[in-house]
Amino acid sequence: MNIEQTFHDEMMQGIAETTKRFGYVPTYFLQMVTQHGAIQTAKILLAAETPQEGLNKLWELGQLHMTMEAQVLDPKYRLLFTRQERAVALKRLVERGYDPTTR
């Protein structure tokens, strides 16, 4: 399996897990991933001025490690995203108290 497919599969697993564990269905994110694929969805959302609702919802649930932003920062996906995209992901997480070194 290639790295792009692995990223996509992990995003889909994350959606299933948040639904099962917390009853939270990230509907908009799921629609985007289905339409654009996980990598393009991440790029679209990281280019947006403001973070998507799902980031704040997972922050409220204390599950920032399950966010798309946290996955973008995973070293195994480094080549999929630009330095700027990773910087945006990190900034959004740090603003919400996430320590990426605890990943």
Foldseek 3Di string as FASTA:
>chain_A
DDPLVVLQVLLVVLQVVCCVPPVDHPVVLVVCCVVPNLLVSLVVQLPDPDHDPVCVVCLVVVNNCSDSLVSCLPVVNVVSDDPSSNVSSVVSQVVSPDDSVVD
